[in-house]
Amino acid sequence: MIRTTKEYLSLSLKGMAMGAADIIPGVSGGTIAFISGIYEELIETINNVNFEAIKKLNKNGIKGFWEHINGNFLIALLTGIAISIMSLAKVITHLLETHSQLLWGFFFGLIVASVYIVGKKVNKWDVNNIISLIIGSSIAFYITILNPMQNPDALWFVFLSGSIAICAMILPGISGSFILLLLGSYEFILVAITGFKLDVITIFGVGCITGLLAFSKLLNWLFKKYHDITIALLTGFLIGSLNKIWPWKETIQTRINSHGEIVPFIQSNVLPSNFEGDSNIIEVILLSLIGLVLICLLYTSPSPRDRG
């Protein structure tokens, strides 16, 4: 697919948005990919990184290989994701600690808008699609109420964490970073990224690549064989994930992080009126509306593939 420089820059910006979303436990980079119109191309592109690509390299050279894997698309998107993760990890962590309500409010509005936009991609809401929606909502909701574990930081577990989390990262509504939190690896990986611990970053990256290549094949098959049911399932994932990003929470249990600080470990949602402290309800609602509007604006700028 031929794109202009402006379109590749737009891809990188979408990649940056995906990277920022994936850092936050509760928000999925796959959601950003979906609502920005590049999701199915992303899954198909990842699926094309296979043995056929090697055959193309041997037969047609680098040009044939690059076209087969949609290389320009991958580079533009991955560059944006990498820039975002490396530059925003500390910022996002700080905002979660100091302005968590406002941050959750922004993403709550983002996800609410995404539910409507993704749901519109289902051609007909029949019984099968509605059942798929309910199943997706139930799965995502159940994941959000699981209690986090604390596991060893051995490299084999870092690899396993990457393999599992990446599958969630490319699913709209299921947060890869929240999966890392459940596995007890979130903080360890985030510290490794911000501290440039190359051994941990490398093993985690290899795990991500392994899981991504395997899972993308399943998703690509589902989109081709059961498109509407798959979209309905993903819409359900978005609905179920709203439980995790509800802005007002109470802490039930705390833990001590690697810096010796007491941080929330298990939390439950409460109404703004029952929230201890300043609920910031006006600010949260305002940021939710901003998130909603931004998603609507993003959706009005479809990708070249969407334009045909």
Protein backbone atom coordinates (compact mmCIF):
# COMPACT_ATOMS: atom_id res chain seq x y z
CA MET A 1 0.00 0.00 0.00
CA ILE A 2 1.36 3.38 -1.02
CA ARG A 3 1.18 6.09 1.62
CA THR A 4 2.30 9.69 1.68
CA THR A 5 4.81 11.11 4.17
CA LYS A 6 1.93 12.76 6.02
CA GLU A 7 0.15 9.42 6.33
CA TYR A 8 3.27 7.72 7.69
CA LEU A 9 3.62 10.53 10.22
CA SER A 10 -0.01 9.93 11.20
CA LEU A 11 0.78 6.24 11.64
CA SER A 12 3.65 7.10 13.99
CA LEU A 13 1.37 9.37 16.01
CA LYS A 14 -1.15 6.54 16.29
CA GLY A 15 1.73 4.31 17.40
CA MET A 16 2.60 6.84 20.09
CA ALA A 17 -1.01 6.79 21.28
CA MET A 18 -0.91 2.98 21.35
CA GLY A 19 2.32 3.02 23.35
CA ALA A 20 0.93 5.50 25.87
CA ALA A 21 -2.23 3.43 26.29
CA ASP A 22 -0.31 0.18 26.79
CA ILE A 23 1.64 1.67 29.69
CA ILE A 24 -1.54 2.21 31.72
CA PRO A 25 -3.02 -0.84 33.50
CA GLY A 26 -6.58 -0.86 32.20
CA VAL A 27 -6.20 0.66 28.73
CA SER A 28 -5.29 -1.32 25.62
CA GLY A 29 -3.16 -0.16 22.72
CA GLY A 30 -5.33 -2.44 20.60
CA THR A 31 -8.23 -0.09 21.33
CA ILE A 32 -6.34 2.82 19.78
CA ALA A 33 -5.43 0.70 16.75
CA PHE A 34 -9.05 -0.33 16.33
CA ILE A 35 -10.68 3.06 16.53
CA SER A 36 -7.99 4.69 14.38
CA GLY A 37 -8.76 2.29 11.52
CA ILE A 38 -5.49 0.31 11.41
CA TYR A 39 -6.37 -2.72 13.52
CA GLU A 40 -7.12 -5.31 10.84
CA GLU A 41 -4.15 -4.15 8.76
CA LEU A 42 -1.97 -4.47 11.85
CA ILE A 43 -3.11 -8.05 12.53
CA GLU A 44 -2.70 -9.02 8.88
CA THR A 45 0.74 -7.41 8.74
CA ILE A 46 1.94 -9.24 11.86
CA ASN A 47 0.56 -12.48 10.43
CA ASN A 48 2.65 -11.96 7.29
CA VAL A 49 5.89 -12.15 9.28
CA ASN A 50 6.22 -15.89 8.59
CA PHE A 51 8.13 -18.49 6.56
CA GLU A 52 6.53 -17.13 3.40
CA ALA A 53 8.37 -13.87 4.08
CA ILE A 54 11.66 -15.76 4.10
CA LYS A 55 10.75 -17.34 0.75
CA LYS A 56 10.01 -13.87 -0.62
CA LEU A 57 13.42 -12.71 0.60
CA ASN A 58 15.19 -15.57 -1.19
CA LYS A 59 13.13 -15.25 -4.36
CA ASN A 60 12.47 -11.52 -4.74
CA GLY A 61 15.13 -9.97 -2.53
CA ILE A 62 14.72 -7.35 0.15
CA LYS A 63 12.11 -5.39 -1.82
CA GLY A 64 9.77 -8.38 -2.13
CA PHE A 65 10.30 -9.28 1.52
CA TRP A 66 9.65 -5.70 2.66
CA GLU A 67 6.45 -5.42 0.64
CA HIS A 68 5.23 -8.80 1.94
CA ILE A 69 5.58 -7.79 5.60
CA ASN A 70 4.27 -4.25 4.94
CA GLY A 71 7.57 -2.98 6.31
CA ASN A 72 6.95 0.75 6.00
CA PHE A 73 3.73 0.39 7.98
CA LEU A 74 5.48 -1.61 10.71
CA ILE A 75 8.43 0.76 11.00
CA ALA A 76 6.24 3.86 11.22
CA LEU A 77 3.95 2.30 13.83
CA LEU A 78 6.68 0.65 15.93
CA THR A 79 8.73 3.86 15.93
CA GLY A 80 5.78 5.72 17.44
CA ILE A 81 5.16 2.98 20.02
CA ALA A 82 8.84 2.87 21.04
CA ILE A 83 9.10 6.67 21.34
CA SER A 84 5.98 6.78 23.47
CA ILE A 85 6.97 3.97 25.83
CA MET A 86 10.52 5.24 26.34
CA SER A 87 9.51 8.86 26.82
CA LEU A 88 6.17 8.59 28.60
CA ALA A 89 6.74 5.70 31.01
CA LYS A 90 7.88 8.00 33.84
CA VAL A 91 5.22 10.61 33.03
CA ILE A 92 2.38 8.07 33.04
CA THR A 93 3.66 6.51 36.26
CA HIS A 94 3.77 9.95 37.88
CA LEU A 95 0.23 10.80 36.74
CA LEU A 96 -1.09 7.49 38.05
CA GLU A 97 0.41 8.33 41.44
CA THR A 98 -0.60 12.00 41.62
CA HIS A 99 -3.66 12.50 39.37
CA SER A 100 -5.08 9.01 38.94
CA GLN A 101 -8.74 10.12 38.96
CA LEU A 102 -8.22 12.60 36.15
CA LEU A 103 -6.22 10.10 34.09
CA TRP A 104 -8.83 7.36 34.57
CA GLY A 105 -11.56 9.87 33.72
CA PHE A 106 -9.90 10.73 30.41
CA PHE A 107 -9.57 7.08 29.43
CA PHE A 108 -13.08 6.26 30.62
CA GLY A 109 -14.44 8.73 28.07
CA LEU A 110 -12.11 7.29 25.47
CA ILE A 111 -13.38 3.74 26.01
CA VAL A 112 -17.06 4.77 26.11
CA ALA A 113 -16.67 6.42 22.71
CA SER A 114 -14.77 3.38 21.46
CA VAL A 115 -17.62 1.03 22.39
CA TYR A 116 -19.96 2.92 20.07
CA ILE A 117 -17.44 3.26 17.25
CA VAL A 118 -16.26 -0.36 17.29
CA GLY A 119 -19.83 -1.63 17.67
CA LYS A 120 -20.79 0.20 14.47
CA LYS A 121 -18.41 -2.06 12.55
CA VAL A 122 -20.77 -5.01 13.11
CA ASN A 123 -22.92 -5.24 9.99
CA LYS A 124 -25.95 -6.78 11.74
CA TRP A 125 -26.59 -7.27 15.44
CA ASP A 126 -28.20 -10.73 15.38
CA VAL A 127 -28.45 -13.26 18.23
CA ASN A 128 -24.98 -14.74 17.64
CA ASN A 129 -23.34 -11.33 17.71
CA ILE A 130 -25.19 -10.30 20.87
CA ILE A 131 -24.10 -13.52 22.58
CA SER A 132 -20.53 -12.82 21.48
CA LEU A 133 -20.84 -9.30 22.95
CA ILE A 134 -22.02 -10.71 26.29
CA ILE A 135 -19.21 -13.28 26.36
CA GLY A 136 -16.59 -10.63 25.60
CA SER A 137 -17.97 -8.31 28.29
CA SER A 138 -18.00 -11.12 30.86
CA ILE A 139 -14.43 -12.22 30.10
CA ALA A 140 -13.03 -8.69 30.31
CA PHE A 141 -15.00 -7.90 33.48
CA TYR A 142 -13.77 -11.10 35.15
CA ILE A 143 -10.16 -10.23 34.31
CA THR A 144 -10.57 -6.79 35.92
CA ILE A 145 -11.68 -8.27 39.27
CA LEU A 146 -8.87 -10.83 39.57
CA ASN A 147 -6.44 -10.18 42.40
CA PRO A 148 -2.83 -9.50 41.34
CA MET A 149 -0.17 -12.10 42.03
CA GLN A 150 3.41 -11.63 43.11
CA ASN A 151 5.81 -13.79 41.11
CA PRO A 152 9.57 -14.18 40.72
CA ASP A 153 11.46 -11.79 38.48
CA ALA A 154 13.40 -14.60 36.82
CA LEU A 155 14.10 -14.13 33.11
CA TRP A 156 12.02 -17.18 32.13
CA PHE A 157 9.02 -15.54 33.80
CA VAL A 158 9.80 -12.25 32.08
CA PHE A 159 9.63 -14.14 28.75
CA LEU A 160 6.33 -15.78 29.73
CA SER A 161 4.89 -12.46 30.90
CA GLY A 162 5.76 -10.86 27.56
CA SER A 163 4.17 -13.71 25.60
CA ILE A 164 0.90 -13.47 27.53
CA ALA A 165 0.71 -9.70 27.88
CA ILE A 166 1.29 -8.99 24.18
CA CYS A 167 -1.81 -11.03 23.32
CA ALA A 168 -3.83 -8.70 25.54
CA MET A 169 -2.08 -5.60 24.22
CA ILE A 170 -3.42 -6.20 20.71
CA LEU A 171 -6.95 -6.96 21.94
CA PRO A 172 -9.20 -3.89 22.28
CA GLY A 173 -10.42 -3.56 25.84
CA ILE A 174 -8.00 -6.00 27.47
CA SER A 175 -4.97 -4.21 28.83
CA GLY A 176 -1.59 -5.86 28.41
CA SER A 177 -0.17 -3.78 31.23
CA PHE A 178 -3.01 -4.92 33.51
CA ILE A 179 -2.18 -8.53 32.63
CA LEU A 180 1.41 -7.77 33.67
CA LEU A 181 0.01 -6.34 36.90
CA LEU A 182 -1.95 -9.54 37.52
CA LEU A 183 1.17 -11.59 36.84
CA GLY A 184 3.15 -9.45 39.29
CA SER A 185 5.55 -8.27 36.57
CA TYR A 186 4.25 -4.78 35.77
CA GLU A 187 6.49 -2.73 38.02
CA PHE A 188 9.55 -4.88 37.31
CA ILE A 189 9.15 -4.42 33.54
CA LEU A 190 8.41 -0.69 33.84
CA VAL A 191 11.50 -0.14 36.00
CA ALA A 192 13.57 -2.14 33.51
CA ILE A 193 12.36 0.07 30.65
CA THR A 194 12.98 3.35 32.44
CA GLY A 195 16.34 2.05 33.71
CA PHE A 196 17.42 0.64 30.31
CA LYS A 197 18.08 -2.86 31.70
CA LEU A 198 18.89 -4.45 28.36
CA ASP A 199 18.78 -8.10 29.50
CA VAL A 200 15.24 -7.79 30.87
CA ILE A 201 14.07 -5.62 27.94
CA THR A 202 15.51 -8.11 25.42
CA ILE A 203 13.95 -11.20 27.03
CA PHE A 204 10.63 -9.42 27.43
CA GLY A 205 10.78 -8.31 23.78
CA VAL A 206 11.50 -11.85 22.56
CA GLY A 207 8.55 -13.09 24.61
CA CYS A 208 6.33 -10.41 23.09
CA ILE A 209 7.39 -11.30 19.55
CA THR A 210 6.79 -15.01 20.16
CA GLY A 211 3.31 -14.46 21.57
CA LEU A 212 2.44 -11.87 18.94
CA LEU A 213 3.31 -14.04 15.95
CA ALA A 214 1.32 -16.97 17.33
CA PHE A 215 -1.75 -15.01 18.43
CA SER A 216 -1.98 -12.86 15.29
CA LYS A 217 -2.61 -15.99 13.21
CA LEU A 218 -5.67 -16.80 15.28
CA LEU A 219 -6.99 -13.23 15.09
CA ASN A 220 -6.40 -13.01 11.35
CA TRP A 221 -8.32 -16.27 10.84
CA LEU A 222 -11.20 -15.07 13.03
CA PHE A 223 -11.50 -11.79 11.10
CA LYS A 224 -11.66 -13.65 7.79
CA LYS A 225 -14.06 -16.40 8.88
CA TYR A 226 -16.19 -14.76 11.58
CA HIS A 227 -15.79 -11.03 11.11
CA ASP A 228 -18.96 -9.73 12.80
CA ILE A 229 -18.82 -12.19 15.69
CA THR A 230 -15.18 -11.23 16.30
CA ILE A 231 -15.97 -7.51 16.24
CA ALA A 232 -18.87 -8.09 18.66
CA LEU A 233 -16.53 -10.01 20.98
CA LEU A 234 -13.98 -7.19 20.89
CA THR A 235 -16.75 -4.65 21.58
CA GLY A 236 -17.64 -6.72 24.62
CA PHE A 237 -14.02 -6.59 25.77
CA LEU A 238 -14.25 -2.79 25.71
CA ILE A 239 -17.46 -2.77 27.77
CA GLY A 240 -16.04 -5.16 30.36
CA SER A 241 -12.84 -3.15 30.70
CA LEU A 242 -14.78 -0.07 31.89
CA ASN A 243 -14.86 -1.65 35.35
CA LYS A 244 -11.08 -1.38 35.61
CA ILE A 245 -10.82 2.29 34.59
CA TRP A 246 -13.66 3.66 36.75
CA PRO A 247 -12.10 6.86 38.16
CA TRP A 248 -13.25 6.53 41.80
CA LYS A 249 -11.72 3.68 43.78
CA GLU A 250 -11.05 2.73 47.37
CA THR A 251 -7.93 0.83 48.38
CA ILE A 252 -8.63 -2.47 50.12
CA GLN A 253 -5.06 -3.70 50.34
CA THR A 254 -1.65 -2.08 49.86
CA ARG A 255 1.85 -3.36 49.16
CA ILE A 256 5.39 -2.05 49.31
CA ASN A 257 6.97 -1.47 45.89
CA SER A 258 10.62 -1.78 44.87
CA HIS A 259 11.30 1.77 46.11
CA GLY A 260 10.01 0.99 49.59
CA GLU A 261 6.82 3.02 49.00
CA ILE A 262 3.34 1.93 50.06
CA VAL A 263 1.14 1.66 46.96
CA PRO A 264 -2.38 0.29 46.27
CA PHE A 265 -2.53 -3.45 45.61
CA ILE A 266 -6.24 -4.34 45.57
CA GLN A 267 -8.90 -1.69 44.89
CA SER A 268 -12.68 -1.59 44.42
CA ASN A 269 -14.90 0.95 42.65
CA VAL A 270 -17.08 3.39 44.61
CA LEU A 271 -19.51 6.16 43.72
CA PRO A 272 -18.09 9.72 43.69
CA SER A 273 -20.24 10.52 46.74
CA ASN A 274 -18.60 7.66 48.67
CA PHE A 275 -15.06 8.53 47.65
CA GLU A 276 -12.73 9.48 50.49
CA GLY A 277 -11.23 12.86 49.71
CA ASP A 278 -11.87 15.25 46.84
CA SER A 279 -13.79 13.43 44.09
CA ASN A 280 -12.86 16.07 41.45
CA ILE A 281 -16.11 15.14 39.75
CA ILE A 282 -16.27 18.22 37.50
CA GLU A 283 -12.68 17.77 36.31
CA VAL A 284 -13.18 14.03 35.76
CA ILE A 285 -16.35 14.58 33.71
CA LEU A 286 -14.61 17.27 31.67
CA LEU A 287 -11.64 15.03 30.89
CA SER A 288 -14.00 12.16 30.05
CA LEU A 289 -15.71 14.40 27.50
CA ILE A 290 -12.33 15.43 26.10
CA GLY A 291 -11.39 11.75 25.69
CA LEU A 292 -14.71 11.05 24.01
CA VAL A 293 -14.32 13.96 21.58
CA LEU A 294 -10.74 13.04 20.73
CA ILE A 295 -11.78 9.50 19.80
CA CYS A 296 -14.60 10.84 17.61
CA LEU A 297 -12.14 13.16 15.85
CA LEU A 298 -9.65 10.32 15.42
CA TYR A 299 -12.34 8.11 13.93
CA THR A 300 -13.21 10.73 11.31
CA SER A 301 -9.69 10.34 9.87
CA PRO A 302 -9.73 6.81 8.42
CA SER A 303 -6.67 4.99 7.16
CA PRO A 304 -5.91 4.59 3.43
CA ARG A 305 -7.20 1.03 3.61
CA ASP A 306 -10.53 2.22 5.00
CA ARG A 307 -10.79 4.71 2.16
CA GLY A 308 -10.24 1.89 -0.31
